[in-house]
Amino acid sequence: NSVELLELHPFAIQDLSCDYPMIISGRCRGSLPESVEVSGTLADMSNFTAELKIWKAKDVPLDKVFARRWINILTANAWFTGNKETEKQVAEISMRTGFPSEYTCMIVVQTE
């Protein structure tokens, strides 16, 4: 059972020692394991490793739940890198989920 990581958000993972929830989202191909191991460096330069349990969403439209967050993260990345593929990805997410973005134009018409 191998997993191919297709995308990960945010690109830089926040401080793991803080006392607030951490949300790491992404897309992958393959079977997800029950947990993943993350590692980093503490302030005293010692290594830190933790095992994190994976929550699998059932009957939750995660693309809509995280769409705004993904759009914001990818837009910032596109601005910093000038990557046109990232701009296209933002536009695709925006059109698929209905959330506006820097790279899409939307018109809302109310009918009665």
N, C-alpha and C. Protein backbone atom coordinates (compact mmCIF):
# COMPACT_ATOMS: atom_id res chain seq x y z
N ASN A 1 0.84 -1.19 0.00
CA ASN A 1 0.00 0.00 0.00
C ASN A 1 0.88 1.25 0.00
N SER A 2 1.01 1.86 -1.16
CA SER A 2 1.80 3.09 -1.21
C SER A 2 0.88 4.27 -1.52
N VAL A 3 1.31 5.45 -1.10
CA VAL A 3 0.55 6.67 -1.30
C VAL A 3 1.41 7.64 -2.09
N GLU A 4 0.83 8.21 -3.13
CA GLU A 4 1.51 9.24 -3.91
C GLU A 4 0.88 10.58 -3.54
N LEU A 5 1.67 11.49 -2.98
CA LEU A 5 1.18 12.80 -2.58
C LEU A 5 1.08 13.69 -3.80
N LEU A 6 -0.12 14.21 -4.06
CA LEU A 6 -0.34 15.08 -5.21
C LEU A 6 -0.23 16.55 -4.83
N GLU A 7 -0.77 16.93 -3.68
CA GLU A 7 -0.63 18.30 -3.19
C GLU A 7 -0.79 18.32 -1.68
N LEU A 8 -0.18 19.30 -1.05
CA LEU A 8 -0.21 19.44 0.39
C LEU A 8 -0.38 20.91 0.73
N HIS A 9 -1.30 21.20 1.64
CA HIS A 9 -1.56 22.58 2.06
C HIS A 9 -1.57 22.65 3.57
N PRO A 10 -0.95 23.54 4.22
CA PRO A 10 -0.08 24.58 3.66
C PRO A 10 1.27 23.98 3.24
N PHE A 11 2.00 24.74 2.44
CA PHE A 11 3.28 24.25 1.95
C PHE A 11 4.30 24.14 3.08
N ALA A 12 4.27 25.11 3.99
CA ALA A 12 5.11 25.07 5.19
C ALA A 12 4.21 24.78 6.37
N ILE A 13 4.53 23.76 7.13
CA ILE A 13 3.70 23.34 8.26
C ILE A 13 4.08 24.16 9.48
N GLN A 14 3.06 24.61 10.20
CA GLN A 14 3.25 25.48 11.37
C GLN A 14 3.95 24.77 12.51
N ASP A 15 4.24 25.51 13.54
CA ASP A 15 4.89 25.01 14.75
C ASP A 15 4.03 23.92 15.39
N LEU A 16 4.57 22.72 15.50
CA LEU A 16 3.82 21.58 16.03
C LEU A 16 3.67 21.60 17.54
N SER A 17 4.46 22.42 18.23
CA SER A 17 4.41 22.43 19.69
C SER A 17 3.38 23.41 20.25
N CYS A 18 2.70 24.15 19.40
CA CYS A 18 1.69 25.11 19.87
C CYS A 18 0.43 24.38 20.31
N ASP A 19 -0.32 25.02 21.18
CA ASP A 19 -1.53 24.40 21.72
C ASP A 19 -2.78 24.82 20.95
N TYR A 20 -2.78 24.65 19.67
CA TYR A 20 -3.98 24.92 18.88
C TYR A 20 -4.07 23.89 17.76
N PRO A 21 -5.28 23.70 17.24
CA PRO A 21 -5.46 22.66 16.21
C PRO A 21 -4.62 22.94 14.97
N MET A 22 -4.15 21.88 14.37
CA MET A 22 -3.38 21.99 13.15
C MET A 22 -4.16 21.28 12.05
N ILE A 23 -4.34 21.96 10.94
CA ILE A 23 -5.03 21.35 9.81
C ILE A 23 -4.05 21.28 8.65
N ILE A 24 -3.79 20.07 8.21
CA ILE A 24 -2.99 19.84 7.02
C ILE A 24 -3.90 19.11 6.05
N SER A 25 -4.06 19.66 4.90
CA SER A 25 -4.95 19.03 3.92
C SER A 25 -4.19 18.81 2.62
N GLY A 26 -4.70 17.92 1.82
CA GLY A 26 -4.05 17.65 0.55
C GLY A 26 -4.80 16.60 -0.23
N ARG A 27 -4.21 16.24 -1.33
CA ARG A 27 -4.78 15.19 -2.17
C ARG A 27 -3.69 14.16 -2.41
N CYS A 28 -4.12 12.91 -2.49
CA CYS A 28 -3.16 11.85 -2.74
C CYS A 28 -3.82 10.77 -3.59
N ARG A 29 -2.99 9.89 -4.08
CA ARG A 29 -3.47 8.74 -4.86
C ARG A 29 -2.97 7.50 -4.14
N GLY A 30 -3.86 6.54 -3.92
CA GLY A 30 -3.49 5.32 -3.22
C GLY A 30 -4.25 5.19 -1.92
N SER A 31 -3.90 4.19 -1.13
CA SER A 31 -4.57 3.94 0.14
C SER A 31 -3.89 4.72 1.26
N LEU A 32 -4.71 5.45 2.02
CA LEU A 32 -4.16 6.21 3.14
C LEU A 32 -3.81 5.29 4.30
N PRO A 33 -2.70 5.56 4.96
CA PRO A 33 -2.38 4.81 6.18
C PRO A 33 -3.24 5.33 7.33
N GLU A 34 -3.21 4.66 8.45
CA GLU A 34 -3.96 5.10 9.64
C GLU A 34 -3.33 6.34 10.27
N SER A 35 -2.02 6.49 10.11
CA SER A 35 -1.33 7.64 10.69
C SER A 35 -0.13 8.00 9.82
N VAL A 36 0.41 9.19 10.05
CA VAL A 36 1.62 9.63 9.37
C VAL A 36 2.61 10.13 10.41
N GLU A 37 3.86 10.08 10.07
CA GLU A 37 4.89 10.57 10.97
C GLU A 37 5.41 11.90 10.44
N VAL A 38 5.42 12.90 11.31
CA VAL A 38 5.97 14.21 10.95
C VAL A 38 7.21 14.45 11.79
N SER A 39 8.15 15.18 11.23
CA SER A 39 9.36 15.48 11.99
C SER A 39 9.79 16.90 11.70
N GLY A 40 10.55 17.43 12.62
CA GLY A 40 11.03 18.80 12.49
C GLY A 40 12.14 19.06 13.48
N THR A 41 12.43 20.33 13.67
CA THR A 41 13.49 20.75 14.57
C THR A 41 12.91 21.68 15.63
N LEU A 42 13.23 21.41 16.88
CA LEU A 42 12.77 22.25 17.99
C LEU A 42 13.67 23.48 18.13
N ALA A 43 13.25 24.42 18.99
CA ALA A 43 14.00 25.66 19.20
C ALA A 43 15.42 25.40 19.67
N ASP A 44 15.62 24.31 20.43
CA ASP A 44 16.97 23.99 20.92
C ASP A 44 17.78 23.18 19.90
N MET A 45 17.25 23.10 18.66
CA MET A 45 17.88 22.41 17.53
C MET A 45 17.88 20.89 17.65
N SER A 46 17.13 20.34 18.59
CA SER A 46 16.99 18.89 18.68
C SER A 46 15.88 18.44 17.72
N ASN A 47 15.95 17.20 17.31
CA ASN A 47 14.96 16.65 16.39
C ASN A 47 13.68 16.30 17.12
N PHE A 48 12.57 16.44 16.44
CA PHE A 48 11.26 16.17 17.00
C PHE A 48 10.50 15.30 16.02
N THR A 49 9.86 14.23 16.51
CA THR A 49 9.06 13.35 15.67
C THR A 49 7.75 13.07 16.38
N ALA A 50 6.65 13.09 15.62
CA ALA A 50 5.34 12.79 16.20
C ALA A 50 4.54 11.98 15.19
N GLU A 51 3.72 11.09 15.71
CA GLU A 51 2.82 10.31 14.87
C GLU A 51 1.44 10.95 14.94
N LEU A 52 0.87 11.29 13.79
CA LEU A 52 -0.43 11.94 13.73
C LEU A 52 -1.46 11.01 13.11
N LYS A 53 -2.60 10.89 13.75
CA LYS A 53 -3.69 10.05 13.24
C LYS A 53 -4.38 10.78 12.09
N ILE A 54 -4.71 10.05 11.05
CA ILE A 54 -5.40 10.62 9.90
C ILE A 54 -6.90 10.47 10.10
N TRP A 55 -7.62 11.55 9.94
CA TRP A 55 -9.08 11.52 9.98
C TRP A 55 -9.57 11.42 8.55
N LYS A 56 -10.36 10.41 8.27
CA LYS A 56 -10.90 10.23 6.93
C LYS A 56 -12.32 10.81 6.90
N ALA A 57 -12.55 11.68 5.97
CA ALA A 57 -13.87 12.32 5.86
C ALA A 57 -14.83 11.37 5.16
N LYS A 58 -16.01 11.27 5.72
CA LYS A 58 -17.06 10.46 5.10
C LYS A 58 -18.27 11.36 4.91
N ASP A 59 -18.78 11.40 3.71
CA ASP A 59 -19.96 12.19 3.38
C ASP A 59 -19.79 13.67 3.69
N VAL A 60 -18.57 14.17 3.61
CA VAL A 60 -18.30 15.59 3.81
C VAL A 60 -17.64 16.11 2.52
N PRO A 61 -18.19 17.15 1.92
CA PRO A 61 -17.59 17.68 0.69
C PRO A 61 -16.33 18.49 1.00
N LEU A 62 -15.23 17.80 1.24
CA LEU A 62 -14.02 18.48 1.66
C LEU A 62 -13.52 19.50 0.66
N ASP A 63 -13.78 19.28 -0.62
CA ASP A 63 -13.34 20.27 -1.59
C ASP A 63 -14.00 21.62 -1.32
N LYS A 64 -15.25 21.61 -0.86
CA LYS A 64 -15.93 22.87 -0.53
C LYS A 64 -15.50 23.39 0.84
N VAL A 65 -15.28 22.50 1.79
CA VAL A 65 -14.88 22.92 3.13
C VAL A 65 -13.54 23.66 3.08
N PHE A 66 -12.60 23.14 2.32
CA PHE A 66 -11.27 23.72 2.28
C PHE A 66 -11.01 24.60 1.06
N ALA A 67 -12.01 24.82 0.22
CA ALA A 67 -11.80 25.55 -1.03
C ALA A 67 -11.24 26.95 -0.80
N ARG A 68 -11.84 27.71 0.09
CA ARG A 68 -11.36 29.08 0.33
C ARG A 68 -9.92 29.06 0.82
N ARG A 69 -9.62 28.15 1.71
CA ARG A 69 -8.25 28.05 2.24
C ARG A 69 -7.27 27.68 1.13
N TRP A 70 -7.62 26.69 0.31
CA TRP A 70 -6.74 26.29 -0.79
C TRP A 70 -6.54 27.43 -1.77
N ILE A 71 -7.64 28.13 -2.09
CA ILE A 71 -7.55 29.25 -3.03
C ILE A 71 -6.60 30.31 -2.48
N ASN A 72 -6.72 30.65 -1.21
CA ASN A 72 -5.85 31.67 -0.62
C ASN A 72 -4.38 31.24 -0.61
N ILE A 73 -4.13 30.01 -0.23
CA ILE A 73 -2.75 29.51 -0.16
C ILE A 73 -2.13 29.45 -1.56
N LEU A 74 -2.87 28.90 -2.51
CA LEU A 74 -2.34 28.78 -3.87
C LEU A 74 -2.18 30.15 -4.53
N THR A 75 -3.09 31.09 -4.25
CA THR A 75 -2.97 32.43 -4.81
C THR A 75 -1.69 33.10 -4.30
N ALA A 76 -1.43 33.00 -3.01
CA ALA A 76 -0.20 33.57 -2.46
C ALA A 76 1.02 32.93 -3.10
N ASN A 77 0.98 31.62 -3.28
CA ASN A 77 2.09 30.92 -3.93
C ASN A 77 2.28 31.40 -5.37
N ALA A 78 1.17 31.58 -6.09
CA ALA A 78 1.24 32.05 -7.48
C ALA A 78 1.83 33.46 -7.54
N TRP A 79 1.45 34.31 -6.61
CA TRP A 79 2.00 35.67 -6.57
C TRP A 79 3.50 35.66 -6.35
N PHE A 80 3.95 34.83 -5.40
CA PHE A 80 5.38 34.80 -5.07
C PHE A 80 6.22 34.16 -6.16
N THR A 81 5.67 33.14 -6.82
CA THR A 81 6.46 32.40 -7.80
C THR A 81 6.21 32.82 -9.24
N GLY A 82 5.06 33.46 -9.49
CA GLY A 82 4.69 33.80 -10.86
C GLY A 82 4.33 32.58 -11.69
N ASN A 83 4.01 31.47 -11.05
CA ASN A 83 3.72 30.21 -11.71
C ASN A 83 2.33 30.22 -12.34
N LYS A 84 2.27 30.15 -13.66
CA LYS A 84 0.99 30.18 -14.39
C LYS A 84 0.17 28.92 -14.15
N GLU A 85 0.84 27.78 -13.93
CA GLU A 85 0.12 26.54 -13.64
C GLU A 85 -0.64 26.65 -12.32
N THR A 86 -0.03 27.30 -11.34
CA THR A 86 -0.71 27.49 -10.06
C THR A 86 -1.91 28.41 -10.23
N GLU A 87 -1.77 29.45 -11.06
CA GLU A 87 -2.90 30.33 -11.36
C GLU A 87 -4.05 29.54 -11.98
N LYS A 88 -3.72 28.65 -12.91
CA LYS A 88 -4.75 27.80 -13.54
C LYS A 88 -5.42 26.90 -12.51
N GLN A 89 -4.62 26.37 -11.60
CA GLN A 89 -5.15 25.49 -10.55
C GLN A 89 -6.13 26.26 -9.67
N VAL A 90 -5.79 27.51 -9.32
CA VAL A 90 -6.68 28.35 -8.52
C VAL A 90 -7.99 28.57 -9.27
N ALA A 91 -7.90 28.89 -10.55
CA ALA A 91 -9.10 29.13 -11.36
C ALA A 91 -9.97 27.87 -11.43
N GLU A 92 -9.35 26.71 -11.59
CA GLU A 92 -10.11 25.46 -11.65
C GLU A 92 -10.84 25.18 -10.34
N ILE A 93 -10.15 25.37 -9.21
CA ILE A 93 -10.78 25.16 -7.91
C ILE A 93 -11.93 26.15 -7.73
N SER A 94 -11.70 27.39 -8.12
CA SER A 94 -12.72 28.43 -8.00
C SER A 94 -13.97 28.08 -8.80
N MET A 95 -13.79 27.66 -10.04
CA MET A 95 -14.94 27.32 -10.89
C MET A 95 -15.64 26.06 -10.40
N ARG A 96 -14.88 25.08 -9.91
CA ARG A 96 -15.47 23.83 -9.44
C ARG A 96 -16.28 24.02 -8.16
N THR A 97 -15.81 24.91 -7.27
CA THR A 97 -16.45 25.06 -5.97
C THR A 97 -17.37 26.26 -5.85
N GLY A 98 -17.26 27.21 -6.79
CA GLY A 98 -18.10 28.40 -6.73
C GLY A 98 -17.56 29.51 -5.85
N PHE A 99 -16.34 29.36 -5.34
CA PHE A 99 -15.72 30.42 -4.54
C PHE A 99 -14.95 31.35 -5.47
N PRO A 100 -15.12 32.66 -5.35
CA PRO A 100 -14.39 33.58 -6.23
C PRO A 100 -12.89 33.56 -5.94
N SER A 101 -12.13 33.92 -6.96
CA SER A 101 -10.68 33.98 -6.80
C SER A 101 -10.12 35.15 -7.60
N GLU A 102 -8.84 35.38 -7.43
CA GLU A 102 -8.13 36.43 -8.15
C GLU A 102 -8.10 36.16 -9.65
N TYR A 103 -8.26 34.91 -10.05
CA TYR A 103 -8.09 34.51 -11.45
C TYR A 103 -9.40 34.11 -12.13
N THR A 104 -10.53 34.42 -11.50
CA THR A 104 -11.83 34.12 -12.11
C THR A 104 -12.74 35.33 -11.96
N CYS A 105 -13.68 35.44 -12.86
CA CYS A 105 -14.72 36.47 -12.78
C CYS A 105 -16.05 35.74 -12.68
N MET A 106 -16.88 36.18 -11.76
CA MET A 106 -18.18 35.55 -11.59
C MET A 106 -19.25 36.63 -11.51
N ILE A 107 -20.39 36.32 -12.06
CA ILE A 107 -21.54 37.22 -11.99
C ILE A 107 -22.67 36.46 -11.34
N VAL A 108 -23.29 37.08 -10.35
CA VAL A 108 -24.42 36.47 -9.66
C VAL A 108 -25.68 37.21 -10.08
N VAL A 109 -26.66 36.47 -10.56
CA VAL A 109 -27.93 37.05 -10.98
C VAL A 109 -29.03 36.43 -10.14
N GLN A 110 -29.80 37.29 -9.50
CA GLN A 110 -30.91 36.80 -8.67
C GLN A 110 -32.16 36.75 -9.54
N THR A 111 -32.82 35.61 -9.54
CA THR A 111 -34.08 35.48 -10.26
C THR A 111 -35.18 35.19 -9.25
N GLU A 112 -36.37 35.60 -9.61
CA GLU A 112 -37.47 35.40 -8.67
C GLU A 112 -38.47 34.41 -9.20
